[in-house]
Amino acid sequence: MVVGGSRSRAYGCRELDLGHRAREDQSQHPDQLRLCPPPPAIAAAAALVYTAKEILDHGFDGAESAVLAGLIAALTLALTLFRRADLSWQPPEPLATVLRFCGRYSLEIYAATLLAMQITAYAIEDPNAEDEIE
């Protein structure tokens, strides 16, 4: 499965999903111009922008900003270095079926969970409660 295949090709960029496809494409077409930055550069830019925005939004001081920047840098590095691989231990088939379903439909599961939480919040809301204005 190619994530974003036609759209990314339309803009001249390779897929950023698993990395191995981009390496295969590059090895097959080494003379082709790469029009998009490498994924680590995109991840670093996103981490910098996110960190700066959070520091400004929450008004962090120097120490808090340094801790946030360190944590975001560590998370970015861990996610950038992550590689998809087979597990040395394979789960039993019933568990594998559940995990496959959850992986395939994770966005739909997330949306259903958000909807259920919203409905629950409206169901338990006290109609006589006054809105707190601070």
Protein backbone atom coordinates (compact mmCIF):
# COMPACT_ATOMS: atom_id res chain seq x y z
CA MET A 1 0.00 0.00 0.00
CA VAL A 2 1.37 3.39 -0.97
CA VAL A 3 0.34 6.21 1.32
CA GLY A 4 -0.30 9.39 -0.58
CA GLY A 5 1.18 7.92 -3.73
CA SER A 6 -0.56 9.86 -6.48
CA ARG A 7 -0.63 13.15 -4.61
CA SER A 8 3.02 13.03 -3.55
CA ARG A 9 4.09 12.08 -7.08
CA ALA A 10 2.08 14.97 -8.48
CA TYR A 11 4.22 17.39 -6.45
CA GLY A 12 7.46 15.56 -7.23
CA CYS A 13 7.98 14.21 -3.69
CA ARG A 14 8.42 10.62 -2.72
CA GLU A 15 6.39 8.86 -0.09
CA LEU A 16 7.34 9.63 3.49
CA ASP A 17 5.55 6.63 4.98
CA LEU A 18 8.02 3.77 5.33
CA GLY A 19 11.18 5.09 3.76
CA HIS A 20 12.14 1.86 1.99
CA ARG A 21 10.04 2.70 -1.05
CA ALA A 22 11.78 6.05 -1.40
CA ARG A 23 15.18 4.34 -1.20
CA GLU A 24 14.08 1.81 -3.83
CA ASP A 25 12.87 4.61 -6.11
CA GLN A 26 16.12 6.54 -5.59
CA SER A 27 18.25 3.49 -6.40
CA GLN A 28 16.24 2.84 -9.59
CA HIS A 29 16.34 6.50 -10.68
CA PRO A 30 19.49 8.07 -9.18
CA ASP A 31 19.59 10.88 -11.73
CA GLN A 32 16.05 12.05 -10.92
CA LEU A 33 15.90 15.42 -9.12
CA ARG A 34 14.59 15.24 -5.56
CA LEU A 35 12.19 18.15 -5.12
CA CYS A 36 11.25 17.69 -1.48
CA PRO A 37 13.43 17.75 1.64
CA PRO A 38 14.37 14.47 3.33
CA PRO A 39 12.01 13.24 6.06
CA PRO A 40 14.42 14.04 8.94
CA ALA A 41 14.51 17.66 7.81
CA ILE A 42 10.71 17.79 7.72
CA ALA A 43 10.53 16.22 11.19
CA ALA A 44 13.08 18.68 12.59
CA ALA A 45 11.24 21.66 11.10
CA ALA A 46 7.91 20.45 12.49
CA ALA A 47 9.47 19.90 15.93
CA LEU A 48 10.98 23.39 15.94
CA VAL A 49 7.75 25.08 14.91
CA TYR A 50 5.70 23.06 17.42
CA THR A 51 8.14 23.76 20.25
CA ALA A 52 8.25 27.50 19.51
CA LYS A 53 4.45 27.72 19.32
CA GLU A 54 3.95 25.85 22.61
CA ILE A 55 6.53 28.03 24.38
CA LEU A 56 4.79 31.18 23.16
CA ASP A 57 1.26 29.91 23.82
CA HIS A 58 1.97 28.75 27.37
CA GLY A 59 4.47 31.44 28.32
CA PHE A 60 7.16 29.00 29.48
CA ASP A 61 10.27 30.35 31.20
CA GLY A 62 13.80 29.27 30.24
CA ALA A 63 13.91 26.02 32.22
CA GLU A 64 10.45 24.91 31.11
CA SER A 65 11.30 25.76 27.52
CA ALA A 66 14.52 23.75 27.70
CA VAL A 67 12.71 20.72 29.13
CA LEU A 68 10.02 20.92 26.44
CA ALA A 69 12.60 21.33 23.68
CA GLY A 70 14.58 18.35 25.00
CA LEU A 71 11.52 16.12 25.24
CA ILE A 72 10.31 17.08 21.76
CA ALA A 73 13.82 16.54 20.34
CA ALA A 74 14.01 13.08 21.95
CA LEU A 75 10.57 12.14 20.65
CA THR A 76 11.39 13.42 17.16
CA LEU A 77 14.65 11.48 17.11
CA ALA A 78 12.94 8.29 18.29
CA LEU A 79 10.23 8.59 15.66
CA THR A 80 12.72 9.45 12.91
CA LEU A 81 14.87 6.43 13.73
CA PHE A 82 11.89 4.07 13.95
CA ARG A 83 11.91 1.34 11.32
CA ARG A 84 9.13 -1.07 10.57
CA ALA A 85 10.15 -4.68 11.09
CA ASP A 86 8.65 -8.07 11.81
CA LEU A 87 8.33 -9.02 15.44
CA SER A 88 10.54 -11.83 16.65
CA TRP A 89 7.46 -13.12 18.51
CA GLN A 90 4.23 -13.33 16.53
CA PRO A 91 0.98 -13.06 18.47
CA PRO A 92 -1.51 -15.93 18.38
CA GLU A 93 -4.03 -15.74 15.54
CA PRO A 94 -7.02 -14.43 17.59
CA LEU A 95 -4.90 -11.57 18.94
CA ALA A 96 -3.35 -10.97 15.52
CA THR A 97 -6.84 -10.63 14.04
CA VAL A 98 -7.81 -8.02 16.63
CA LEU A 99 -4.56 -6.10 16.15
CA ARG A 100 -4.94 -6.20 12.36
CA PHE A 101 -8.50 -4.84 12.66
CA CYS A 102 -7.43 -2.06 15.05
CA GLY A 103 -4.51 -1.11 12.82
CA ARG A 104 -6.60 -1.06 9.67
CA TYR A 105 -9.50 0.93 11.16
CA SER A 106 -7.69 3.10 13.74
CA LEU A 107 -8.99 6.39 12.32
CA GLU A 108 -12.58 5.14 12.34
CA ILE A 109 -12.16 3.79 15.89
CA TYR A 110 -10.77 7.17 16.98
CA ALA A 111 -13.68 9.04 15.36
CA ALA A 112 -16.24 6.72 16.98
CA THR A 113 -14.56 7.20 20.36
CA LEU A 114 -14.69 10.99 20.01
CA LEU A 115 -18.35 10.83 19.03
CA ALA A 116 -19.17 8.56 21.97
CA MET A 117 -17.38 10.88 24.39
CA GLN A 118 -19.22 13.91 23.00
CA ILE A 119 -22.59 12.18 23.27
CA THR A 120 -21.75 11.08 26.83
CA ALA A 121 -20.76 14.62 27.77
CA TYR A 122 -24.07 15.99 26.51
CA ALA A 123 -25.99 13.17 28.21
CA ILE A 124 -24.49 13.80 31.65
CA GLU A 125 -24.42 17.59 31.42
CA ASP A 126 -26.45 19.20 34.17
CA PRO A 127 -28.99 21.54 32.51
CA ASN A 128 -29.36 23.51 35.76
CA ALA A 129 -25.62 24.18 36.11
CA GLU A 130 -24.55 27.76 35.59
CA ASP A 131 -21.84 28.46 33.08
CA GLU A 132 -18.67 29.51 34.85
CA ILE A 133 -17.16 32.67 33.42
CA GLU A 134 -13.67 33.51 34.55
